[in-house]
Amino acid sequence: MRTQIVLPAFFACTAALASANTPAASTDEITVYKSPTCGCCSSWVDHLRESGFTVKTVDTTDLGKVKAAAGVTPEIASCHTAVVDGYLIEGHVPPEDIRRLLKEHPQVKGLAVPGMPAGAPGMDVPNPQHYQVLTIDSQGKTTVFAEH
């Protein structure tokens, strides 16, 4: 059974998330909560769109409230938080890893790339660093999903 992300009523755009008991069909629509002034967040959104995702952005000056409602802990936090097909996506997760998540439908809360690693999508630099994409389970435990 997948863990459902439930955000408060003021984030009504996530109200249609998949039921925790019934797997929904994968979707290419992703909602991204980000700062209106963050360039790397906007760049990550561009990567998603270039990869075929339909992206709805929600600019907010209180990302802390979004992250708290989604259960994002400081250990996995990054600069933006997204929701796709009932899964949490935290940080600069590559679009191909999101597609894999949607295809495999593992029983996890979502994926995270903690921090802002150089070379991750949206953090485009000439000398990328190695980073990991982590799964997050309903208890907050992480495991490696992919390495880049």
Protein backbone atom coordinates (compact mmCIF):
# COMPACT_ATOMS: atom_id res chain seq x y z
CA MET A 1 0.00 0.00 0.00
CA ARG A 2 1.42 3.39 -1.01
CA THR A 3 1.71 6.23 1.47
CA GLN A 4 -0.39 9.24 0.50
CA ILE A 5 0.83 12.81 0.91
CA VAL A 6 -1.88 14.89 2.57
CA LEU A 7 -1.39 18.65 2.72
CA PRO A 8 -3.69 21.10 4.50
CA ALA A 9 -6.81 22.49 2.84
CA PHE A 10 -5.03 25.63 1.65
CA PHE A 11 -3.11 23.36 -0.72
CA ALA A 12 -6.32 22.18 -2.36
CA CYS A 13 -4.56 21.40 -5.62
CA THR A 14 -3.23 18.22 -4.01
CA ALA A 15 -6.67 17.05 -2.92
CA ALA A 16 -6.93 14.71 -5.88
CA LEU A 17 -3.96 12.60 -4.83
CA ALA A 18 -4.17 8.85 -5.25
CA SER A 19 -5.97 6.87 -2.59
CA ALA A 20 -3.70 5.00 -0.20
CA ASN A 21 -5.60 1.79 -0.90
CA THR A 22 -6.11 2.04 -4.65
CA PRO A 23 -3.17 2.52 -6.99
CA ALA A 24 -3.97 5.21 -9.53
CA ALA A 25 -2.75 5.37 -13.09
CA SER A 26 0.52 7.22 -13.48
CA THR A 27 0.25 10.83 -14.43
CA ASP A 28 2.58 13.27 -16.10
CA GLU A 29 1.19 16.16 -14.03
CA ILE A 30 3.37 17.35 -11.18
CA THR A 31 2.73 20.21 -8.74
CA VAL A 32 5.84 22.05 -7.55
CA TYR A 33 5.86 24.27 -4.45
CA LYS A 34 8.72 26.74 -4.69
CA SER A 35 9.95 30.19 -3.82
CA PRO A 36 8.97 32.77 -6.44
CA THR A 37 12.57 34.03 -6.55
CA CYS A 38 14.55 30.77 -6.68
CA GLY A 39 16.36 30.31 -9.98
CA CYS A 40 17.37 26.70 -9.42
CA CYS A 41 13.75 25.75 -8.66
CA SER A 42 12.65 27.34 -11.93
CA SER A 43 15.46 25.55 -13.74
CA TRP A 44 14.33 22.19 -12.27
CA VAL A 45 10.79 22.94 -13.50
CA ASP A 46 12.27 23.55 -16.97
CA HIS A 47 13.95 20.12 -16.83
CA LEU A 48 10.62 18.52 -15.92
CA ARG A 49 8.82 20.24 -18.81
CA GLU A 50 11.58 19.29 -21.25
CA SER A 51 11.08 15.68 -20.12
CA GLY A 52 7.37 15.78 -20.94
CA PHE A 53 5.84 16.52 -17.54
CA THR A 54 2.96 18.96 -17.21
CA VAL A 55 4.03 21.21 -14.35
CA LYS A 56 1.88 23.35 -12.13
CA THR A 57 3.96 25.71 -9.99
CA VAL A 58 2.76 27.13 -6.72
CA ASP A 59 4.92 30.04 -5.62
CA THR A 60 4.98 30.46 -1.86
CA THR A 61 6.99 32.41 0.66
CA ASP A 62 6.32 29.78 3.35
CA LEU A 63 7.91 26.57 2.06
CA GLY A 64 8.47 25.53 5.66
CA LYS A 65 4.73 25.07 6.08
CA VAL A 66 4.54 23.00 2.86
CA LYS A 67 7.46 20.81 3.94
CA ALA A 68 6.05 20.31 7.44
CA ALA A 69 2.66 19.31 6.04
CA ALA A 70 4.34 16.85 3.65
CA GLY A 71 6.54 15.37 6.40
CA VAL A 72 9.83 16.59 4.94
CA THR A 73 12.51 16.38 7.61
CA PRO A 74 15.65 18.57 7.66
CA GLU A 75 17.75 15.53 6.70
CA ILE A 76 16.04 15.20 3.30
CA ALA A 77 15.08 18.83 2.68
CA SER A 78 15.96 20.83 -0.38
CA CYS A 79 14.72 24.07 -1.89
CA HIS A 80 11.42 22.89 -3.41
CA THR A 81 8.78 20.24 -2.78
CA ALA A 82 6.59 18.56 -5.38
CA VAL A 83 3.75 16.05 -5.56
CA VAL A 84 3.09 13.67 -8.44
CA ASP A 85 0.57 10.81 -8.47
CA GLY A 86 0.44 10.80 -4.67
CA TYR A 87 4.21 10.73 -4.25
CA LEU A 88 6.38 13.35 -2.56
CA ILE A 89 9.30 14.61 -4.65
CA GLU A 90 11.78 16.65 -2.59
CA GLY A 91 14.55 18.58 -4.27
CA HIS A 92 16.42 18.16 -7.53
CA VAL A 93 15.26 14.64 -8.42
CA PRO A 94 16.04 13.81 -12.07
CA PRO A 95 12.96 13.41 -14.27
CA GLU A 96 14.03 9.89 -15.29
CA ASP A 97 13.96 8.82 -11.63
CA ILE A 98 10.46 10.26 -11.24
CA ARG A 99 9.37 8.31 -14.33
CA ARG A 100 10.88 5.13 -12.85
CA LEU A 101 9.02 5.77 -9.58
CA LEU A 102 5.74 6.20 -11.46
CA LYS A 103 6.35 3.06 -13.51
CA GLU A 104 7.38 0.82 -10.60
CA HIS A 105 4.95 2.23 -7.98
CA PRO A 106 7.02 1.14 -4.97
CA GLN A 107 5.46 1.31 -1.51
CA VAL A 108 7.25 4.50 -0.49
CA LYS A 109 6.26 8.03 0.40
CA GLY A 110 8.43 9.48 -2.33
CA LEU A 111 11.89 10.48 -3.51
CA ALA A 112 14.38 13.06 -2.29
CA VAL A 113 17.68 14.59 -3.28
CA PRO A 114 18.74 16.29 -0.04
CA GLY A 115 20.42 19.66 -0.30
CA MET A 116 21.34 21.12 -3.64
CA PRO A 117 24.07 18.96 -5.21
CA ALA A 118 26.01 20.49 -8.07
CA GLY A 119 25.09 18.77 -11.31
CA ALA A 120 21.59 17.65 -10.31
CA PRO A 121 18.85 18.91 -12.66
CA GLY A 122 18.39 22.60 -11.98
CA MET A 123 21.86 22.78 -10.40
CA ASP A 124 23.58 22.61 -13.76
CA VAL A 125 27.33 23.18 -13.54
CA PRO A 126 30.33 22.03 -15.58
CA ASN A 127 31.77 19.81 -12.82
CA PRO A 128 28.90 17.81 -11.31
CA GLN A 129 29.28 16.02 -8.00
CA HIS A 130 28.11 12.52 -7.19
CA TYR A 131 24.71 12.46 -5.48
CA GLN A 132 22.03 9.97 -4.49
CA VAL A 133 18.29 9.92 -4.99
CA LEU A 134 16.67 8.47 -1.88
CA THR A 135 13.34 6.77 -1.30
CA ILE A 136 11.46 7.85 1.81
CA ASP A 137 9.15 5.41 3.58
CA SER A 138 6.20 6.28 5.81
CA GLN A 139 8.45 6.26 8.90
CA GLY A 140 10.98 8.62 7.29
CA LYS A 141 13.58 5.91 6.65
CA THR A 142 15.59 6.41 3.47
CA THR A 143 17.23 4.01 1.05
CA VAL A 144 19.18 4.66 -2.15
CA PHE A 145 16.96 4.62 -5.25
CA ALA A 146 19.53 5.88 -7.79
CA GLU A 147 23.03 7.33 -7.97
CA HIS A 148 24.22 10.01 -10.36
